[in-house]
Protein backbone atom coordinates (compact mmCIF):
# COMPACT_ATOMS: atom_id res chain seq x y z
CA UNK A 1 -23.41 15.30 -52.60
CA UNK A 2 -19.68 15.90 -52.29
CA UNK A 3 -20.30 19.53 -51.29
CA UNK A 4 -22.75 18.43 -48.56
CA UNK A 5 -20.25 15.87 -47.30
CA UNK A 6 -17.44 18.46 -47.22
CA UNK A 7 -19.75 20.86 -45.37
CA UNK A 8 -20.54 18.21 -42.72
CA UNK A 9 -16.85 17.37 -42.33
CA UNK A 10 -16.03 21.08 -41.94
CA UNK A 11 -18.68 21.49 -39.24
CA UNK A 12 -17.46 18.35 -37.43
CA UNK A 13 -13.85 19.54 -37.58
CA UNK A 14 -14.86 22.95 -36.24
CA UNK A 15 -16.80 21.33 -33.39
CA UNK A 16 -13.80 19.14 -32.50
CA UNK A 17 -11.48 22.16 -32.58
CA UNK A 18 -13.80 24.12 -30.30
CA UNK A 19 -14.00 21.21 -27.86
CA UNK A 20 -10.22 20.77 -27.87
CA UNK A 21 -9.77 24.49 -27.24
CA UNK A 22 -12.15 24.37 -24.26
CA UNK A 23 -10.30 21.36 -22.83
CA UNK A 24 -6.96 23.14 -23.21
CA UNK A 25 -8.32 26.26 -21.50
CA UNK A 26 -9.76 24.20 -18.62
CA UNK A 27 -6.47 22.32 -18.19
CA UNK A 28 -4.52 25.59 -18.22
CA UNK A 29 -6.85 27.11 -15.61
CA UNK A 30 -6.50 24.01 -13.44
CA UNK A 31 -2.72 24.15 -13.67
CA UNK A 32 -2.72 27.85 -12.72
CA UNK A 33 -5.04 27.22 -9.74
CA UNK A 34 -2.89 24.34 -8.51
CA UNK A 35 0.18 26.55 -8.81
CA UNK A 36 -1.57 29.28 -6.78
CA UNK A 37 -2.61 26.76 -4.11
CA UNK A 38 0.97 25.46 -3.91
CA UNK A 39 2.29 29.01 -3.38
CA UNK A 40 -0.30 29.67 -0.65
CA UNK A 41 0.58 26.42 1.14
CA UNK A 42 4.29 27.28 0.97
CA UNK A 43 3.59 30.73 2.44
CA UNK A 44 1.51 29.22 5.24
CA UNK A 45 4.24 26.67 6.04
CA UNK A 46 6.93 29.36 6.06
CA UNK A 47 4.81 31.56 8.37
CA UNK A 48 4.25 28.67 10.78
CA UNK A 49 8.00 28.08 11.09
CA UNK A 50 9.53 30.16 13.93
CA UNK A 51 11.86 32.82 12.56
CA UNK A 52 15.18 33.27 14.34
CA UNK A 53 15.12 36.22 16.77
CA UNK A 54 18.09 38.48 16.00
CA UNK A 55 18.01 40.07 19.52
CA UNK A 56 20.34 42.84 20.59
CA UNK A 57 23.72 43.43 19.01
CA UNK A 58 26.24 40.99 20.48
CA UNK A 59 28.94 42.17 22.87
CA UNK A 60 32.56 41.25 22.18
CA UNK A 61 32.98 37.54 22.83
CA UNK A 62 34.41 36.27 26.12
CA UNK A 63 35.26 32.78 27.36
CA UNK A 64 31.79 32.50 28.91
CA UNK A 65 30.25 33.54 25.60
CA UNK A 66 32.17 30.78 23.86
CA UNK A 67 30.66 28.24 26.22
CA UNK A 68 27.13 29.60 25.81
CA UNK A 69 27.50 29.75 22.04
CA UNK A 70 28.63 26.13 21.96
CA UNK A 71 25.61 25.23 24.10
CA UNK A 72 23.27 27.07 21.74
CA UNK A 73 24.88 25.36 18.76
CA UNK A 74 24.39 21.96 20.35
CA UNK A 75 20.76 22.80 21.19
CA UNK A 76 20.13 23.95 17.64
CA UNK A 77 21.70 20.74 16.36
CA UNK A 78 19.44 18.69 18.62
CA UNK A 79 16.38 20.68 17.52
CA UNK A 80 17.27 20.20 13.86
CA UNK A 81 17.75 16.48 14.42
CA UNK A 82 14.40 16.30 16.21
CA UNK A 83 12.78 18.12 13.28
CA UNK A 84 14.27 15.65 10.82
CA UNK A 85 13.13 12.70 12.95
CA UNK A 86 9.63 14.20 13.13
CA UNK A 87 9.31 13.46 9.41
CA UNK A 88 8.74 9.83 10.46
CA UNK A 89 6.31 8.44 13.01
CA UNK A 90 5.96 5.01 14.57
CA UNK A 91 2.82 3.11 13.63
CA UNK A 92 1.84 -0.02 15.56
CA UNK A 93 -0.21 -2.70 13.86
CA UNK A 94 -1.75 -5.58 15.80
CA UNK A 95 -2.23 -8.41 13.33
CA UNK A 96 -3.11 -12.09 13.06
CA UNK A 97 -2.90 -14.80 10.41
CA UNK A 98 -5.05 -17.92 10.22
CA UNK A 99 -5.95 -20.61 7.72
CA UNK A 100 -9.69 -20.82 8.41
CA UNK A 101 -10.38 -24.01 6.40
CA UNK A 102 -13.72 -22.57 5.27
CA UNK A 103 -15.26 -19.33 6.44
CA UNK A 104 -18.46 -20.64 4.81
CA UNK A 105 -18.96 -22.96 7.77
CA UNK A 106 -18.66 -20.05 10.21
CA UNK A 107 -21.16 -18.03 8.16
CA UNK A 108 -23.70 -20.87 7.99
CA UNK A 109 -23.50 -21.46 11.74
CA UNK A 110 -23.34 -17.73 12.55
CA UNK A 111 -20.20 -18.55 14.54
CA UNK A 112 -18.58 -15.76 16.63
CA UNK A 113 -15.06 -17.20 16.31
CA UNK A 114 -13.66 -14.38 14.15
CA UNK A 115 -15.46 -11.69 16.19
CA UNK A 116 -13.92 -13.02 19.41
CA UNK A 117 -10.49 -13.40 17.79
CA UNK A 118 -10.50 -9.78 16.59
CA UNK A 119 -11.98 -8.14 19.70
CA UNK A 120 -10.11 -10.19 22.33
CA UNK A 121 -6.78 -9.35 20.69
CA UNK A 122 -7.73 -5.80 19.58
CA UNK A 123 -6.61 -6.61 16.04
CA UNK A 124 -6.12 -3.97 13.39
CA UNK A 125 -5.72 -6.49 10.57
CA UNK A 126 -6.58 -10.19 10.19
CA UNK A 127 -5.20 -12.24 7.28
CA UNK A 128 -7.33 -15.28 6.38
CA UNK A 129 -6.31 -18.06 3.99
CA UNK A 130 -8.52 -20.87 2.65
CA UNK A 131 -11.68 -18.81 3.06
CA UNK A 132 -13.58 -21.10 0.68
CA UNK A 133 -15.71 -18.07 -0.13
CA UNK A 134 -17.54 -18.02 -3.46
CA UNK A 135 -18.85 -15.11 -5.53
CA UNK A 136 -22.31 -15.23 -3.90
CA UNK A 137 -20.89 -14.74 -0.42
CA UNK A 138 -18.80 -11.81 -1.66
CA UNK A 139 -21.70 -10.00 -3.30
CA UNK A 140 -24.16 -10.22 -0.41
CA UNK A 141 -21.58 -9.32 2.26
CA UNK A 142 -22.16 -12.50 4.26
CA UNK A 143 -18.65 -12.41 5.70
CA UNK A 144 -19.41 -9.07 7.40
CA UNK A 145 -22.11 -10.82 9.46
CA UNK A 146 -19.40 -12.75 11.35
CA UNK A 147 -17.10 -9.73 11.76
CA UNK A 148 -17.31 -7.03 14.45
CA UNK A 149 -18.87 -3.65 13.64
CA UNK A 150 -16.51 -1.22 11.85
CA UNK A 151 -14.58 -4.09 10.22
CA UNK A 152 -14.55 -4.69 6.48
CA UNK A 153 -12.62 -6.99 4.16
CA UNK A 154 -10.95 -7.40 0.78
CA UNK A 155 -11.13 -10.87 -0.70
CA UNK A 156 -9.91 -12.91 -3.64
CA UNK A 157 -11.95 -16.12 -4.03
CA UNK A 158 -10.98 -19.26 -5.88
CA UNK A 159 -13.36 -19.98 -8.74
CA UNK A 160 -14.02 -23.52 -7.60
CA UNK A 161 -13.92 -25.46 -4.35
CA UNK A 162 -11.60 -24.39 -1.53
CA UNK A 163 -8.82 -21.81 -1.53
CA UNK A 164 -9.35 -18.08 -1.38
CA UNK A 165 -7.73 -15.30 0.68
CA UNK A 166 -9.01 -12.24 2.54
CA UNK A 167 -7.70 -9.22 4.46
CA UNK A 168 -9.99 -8.05 7.28
CA UNK A 169 -9.35 -4.54 8.64
CA UNK A 170 -10.74 -1.84 10.90
CA UNK A 171 -12.23 0.58 8.35
CA UNK A 172 -12.62 3.40 10.89
CA UNK A 173 -8.96 3.36 11.93
CA UNK A 174 -7.36 2.92 8.50
CA UNK A 175 -7.60 4.04 4.90
CA UNK A 176 -7.35 0.79 2.92
CA UNK A 177 -7.15 0.39 -0.85
CA UNK A 178 -7.00 -2.73 -2.99
CA UNK A 179 -3.73 -2.82 -4.94
CA UNK A 180 -3.98 -4.74 -8.25
CA UNK A 181 -1.03 -6.72 -9.60
CA UNK A 182 -1.77 -7.30 -13.26
CA UNK A 183 -0.20 -10.74 -13.69
CA UNK A 184 -1.81 -14.16 -13.48
CA UNK A 185 -0.46 -16.51 -10.84
CA UNK A 186 -1.12 -20.13 -10.00
CA UNK A 187 -1.36 -19.22 -6.31
CA UNK A 188 -3.92 -16.95 -4.65
CA UNK A 189 -3.14 -13.58 -3.11
CA UNK A 190 -4.75 -10.29 -2.19
CA UNK A 191 -2.82 -7.02 -1.80
CA UNK A 192 -3.91 -3.88 0.05
CA UNK A 193 -2.28 -0.56 0.93
CA UNK A 194 -2.98 0.63 4.47
CA UNK A 195 -2.46 4.01 6.15
CA UNK A 196 -3.91 5.80 9.19
CA UNK A 197 -3.86 9.28 7.65
CA UNK A 198 -3.88 10.54 4.08
CA UNK A 199 -0.41 12.01 4.56
CA UNK A 200 1.04 8.71 5.85
CA UNK A 201 3.30 6.61 3.68
CA UNK A 202 1.27 3.49 2.77
CA UNK A 203 2.13 0.01 4.03
CA UNK A 204 1.53 -2.86 1.60
CA UNK A 205 -0.13 -5.95 3.11
CA UNK A 206 0.20 -9.14 1.04
CA UNK A 207 -1.80 -12.27 1.94
CA UNK A 208 -0.83 -15.42 0.01
CA UNK A 209 -2.16 -18.97 -0.25
CA UNK A 210 -0.11 -21.47 -2.20
CA UNK A 211 -1.76 -24.78 -3.15
CA UNK A 212 0.35 -27.83 -2.39
CA UNK A 213 3.04 -28.91 -4.88
CA UNK A 214 2.54 -25.92 -7.20
CA UNK A 215 5.79 -25.98 -9.22
CA UNK A 216 5.72 -22.47 -10.73
CA UNK A 217 5.40 -20.85 -7.33
CA UNK A 218 8.92 -19.52 -6.77
CA UNK A 219 9.25 -17.77 -10.15
CA UNK A 220 5.82 -16.16 -9.78
CA UNK A 221 6.46 -15.17 -6.16
CA UNK A 222 9.78 -13.62 -7.21
CA UNK A 223 7.96 -11.49 -9.80
CA UNK A 224 5.28 -10.46 -7.27
CA UNK A 225 7.87 -9.43 -4.67
CA UNK A 226 9.89 -7.52 -7.27
CA UNK A 227 6.78 -5.52 -8.11
CA UNK A 228 5.87 -5.03 -4.42
CA UNK A 229 9.27 -3.70 -3.32
CA UNK A 230 9.67 -1.52 -6.40
CA UNK A 231 6.35 0.17 -5.53
CA UNK A 232 6.33 0.21 -1.69
CA UNK A 233 9.06 0.69 0.92
CA UNK A 234 7.11 -0.98 3.74
CA UNK A 235 5.71 -4.45 3.03
CA UNK A 236 4.23 -7.08 5.37
CA UNK A 237 3.68 -10.55 3.89
CA UNK A 238 1.64 -13.34 5.44
CA UNK A 239 -0.01 -16.53 4.32
CA UNK A 240 -0.07 -20.30 4.11
CA UNK A 241 2.85 -21.23 1.84
CA UNK A 242 2.52 -25.03 2.25
CA UNK A 243 6.29 -25.26 2.64
CA UNK A 244 7.78 -27.18 5.57
CA UNK A 245 10.20 -24.45 6.68
CA UNK A 246 10.72 -26.49 9.86
CA UNK A 247 12.66 -28.91 7.62
CA UNK A 248 15.44 -26.63 6.31
CA UNK A 249 17.13 -29.51 4.50
CA UNK A 250 14.29 -30.02 1.99
CA UNK A 251 14.70 -28.61 -1.52
CA UNK A 252 11.56 -26.49 -1.21
CA UNK A 253 12.78 -24.93 2.05
CA UNK A 254 16.21 -24.21 0.56
CA UNK A 255 14.71 -22.62 -2.57
CA UNK A 256 12.33 -20.58 -0.42
CA UNK A 257 15.10 -19.36 1.88
CA UNK A 258 17.23 -18.38 -1.12
CA UNK A 259 14.33 -16.30 -2.48
CA UNK A 260 13.93 -14.57 0.90
CA UNK A 261 17.67 -13.88 1.04
CA UNK A 262 17.57 -12.35 -2.46
CA UNK A 263 15.09 -9.73 -1.19
CA UNK A 264 16.66 -9.30 2.26
CA UNK A 265 13.55 -10.74 3.95
CA UNK A 266 13.09 -12.35 7.36
CA UNK A 267 10.60 -15.13 8.18
CA UNK A 268 9.44 -14.74 11.78
CA UNK A 269 7.30 -17.81 12.63
CA UNK A 270 8.77 -20.88 14.32
CA UNK A 271 7.08 -23.93 15.74
CA UNK A 272 4.14 -25.89 14.33
CA UNK A 273 1.19 -23.96 12.87
CA UNK A 274 -0.67 -27.08 11.65
CA UNK A 275 -1.91 -30.15 13.49
CA UNK A 276 0.51 -32.21 11.34
CA UNK A 277 3.38 -30.56 13.24
CA UNK A 278 4.78 -28.43 10.41
CA UNK A 279 5.34 -24.67 10.10
CA UNK A 280 3.18 -23.68 7.12
CA UNK A 281 1.69 -20.29 8.06
CA UNK A 282 4.38 -17.65 7.74
CA UNK A 283 4.90 -13.92 8.35
CA UNK A 284 7.67 -12.21 6.37
CA UNK A 285 9.10 -8.67 6.48
CA UNK A 286 12.29 -6.77 5.91
CA UNK A 287 14.40 -5.98 9.00
CA UNK A 288 13.26 -2.34 9.09
CA UNK A 289 9.78 -3.51 10.11
CA UNK A 290 10.06 -4.05 13.88
CA UNK A 291 8.41 -7.25 15.04
CA UNK A 292 7.20 -8.24 18.51
CA UNK A 293 4.72 -10.26 20.61
CA UNK A 294 4.55 -13.20 18.20
CA UNK A 295 2.59 -16.19 19.46
CA UNK A 296 1.04 -19.27 17.86
CA UNK A 297 -2.23 -20.27 19.50
CA UNK A 298 -4.85 -22.99 19.04
CA UNK A 299 -8.40 -22.16 17.91
CA UNK A 300 -11.65 -24.13 17.79
CA UNK A 301 -12.52 -23.74 14.09
CA UNK A 302 -9.51 -24.91 12.04
CA UNK A 303 -6.76 -27.52 11.85
CA UNK A 304 -4.31 -24.60 11.59
CA UNK A 305 -3.28 -22.47 14.56
CA UNK A 306 -3.60 -18.69 14.73
CA UNK A 307 -0.43 -16.61 14.43
CA UNK A 308 -0.68 -13.38 16.46
CA UNK A 309 1.94 -10.63 16.12
CA UNK A 310 2.60 -6.90 16.39
CA UNK A 311 4.56 -4.80 13.90
CA UNK A 312 5.98 -1.31 14.33
CA UNK A 313 6.79 0.65 11.19
CA UNK A 314 8.42 4.06 10.87
CA UNK A 315 6.02 5.76 8.49
CA UNK A 316 7.18 8.80 6.51
CA UNK A 317 4.79 11.70 6.18
CA UNK A 318 4.03 12.76 2.63
CA UNK A 319 4.61 16.49 2.10
CA UNK A 320 1.42 18.17 0.82
CA UNK A 321 3.54 20.71 -1.05
CA UNK A 322 5.25 17.92 -2.98
CA UNK A 323 1.85 16.37 -3.71
CA UNK A 324 0.52 19.68 -5.11
CA UNK A 325 3.67 20.25 -7.12
CA UNK A 326 3.35 16.74 -8.50
CA UNK A 327 -0.24 17.49 -9.54
CA UNK A 328 0.91 20.69 -11.26
CA UNK A 329 3.64 18.77 -13.08
CA UNK A 330 1.11 16.13 -14.12
CA UNK A 331 -1.35 18.66 -15.53
CA UNK A 332 1.48 20.52 -17.31
CA UNK A 333 2.76 17.31 -18.86
CA UNK A 334 -0.76 16.40 -20.02
CA UNK A 335 -1.12 19.82 -21.68
CA UNK A 336 2.24 19.37 -23.43
CA UNK A 337 1.30 15.88 -24.62
CA UNK A 338 -2.00 17.19 -25.97
CA UNK A 339 -0.29 20.00 -27.86
CA UNK A 340 2.19 17.55 -29.40
CA UNK A 341 -0.69 15.28 -30.41
CA UNK A 342 -2.51 18.18 -32.08
CA UNK A 343 0.65 19.17 -33.95
CA UNK A 344 1.06 15.61 -35.22
CA UNK A 345 -2.54 15.58 -36.42
CA UNK A 346 -2.08 18.90 -38.25
CA UNK A 347 1.10 17.63 -39.85
CA UNK A 348 -0.66 14.44 -40.95
CA UNK A 349 -3.55 16.41 -42.43
CA UNK A 350 -1.15 18.64 -44.38
CA UNK A 351 0.68 15.61 -45.75
CA UNK A 352 -2.64 13.99 -46.74
CA UNK A 353 -3.84 17.20 -48.46
CA UNK A 354 -0.61 17.38 -50.49
CA UNK A 355 -1.18 13.87 -51.75
């Protein structure tokens, strides 16, 4: 029996070794192909760049030549500065924020309120708080019935009555991905990265709803913002914070402003956003996100007003060469880790056999 068992173990070990060898060979081939692709892309980029024309041999310099050379130097400086500035491109986002006080009602009545809001203002992104959506509405796509064609959404519902947040976006104009933040919070939020092209630097959109009098809010928001700004350079934050920022003397407003100051953030909304006369619905960015055309307007479906605004962000273009090199580095590091793991296993087996 022992001989049969040893034979089976030997066959299993051989099979595992063969599989590991095949995986290593495939990983090595992939790394080599990525390296070849990177070289080809570099060659293509270098070819596309205009090479300096040496021209005829220069005559001895004169005063006029000095002037022309200084002009050429200045033109080359301007062209180099324009090339460096071309690494970034302005991206305009037309956005709105509204506490809907139940999207369910709009769905039941097949109300066009959100369709009109989006189309009349040519919105790229709409942030909705207090959706009151439940899991059933999320699974059957009922919200899409009251959105214009080509618009989709990401949503985080409250498991119970009320609450919930959503980000509505034009799915034909943008590449949007849900961004998970793996920490529990007592407030509701949804995070999404947004870009127009694959090579664009992503912009993080955060939509937040804070229930009234939630005491752990500031510590949890501090942690969320620390994660957001350590991961993304460009961040746009909106939501219903249930803080009376129009009363700067209150403790909540002071604590909130201190948190914003810690991150170098600016809150842009002023004036009442709720029928009670307080400023609850806020839009927050860092100063490098240009902000314009902000208005607070009444609507016919909520006790909160709609905040309309436009942002302009200077988006960096991601270099495809760097992306390919990063992929090569990743594959190489995985191969190295696998080899180290196999060496540790062999060492462990030898130690066990000695015992």
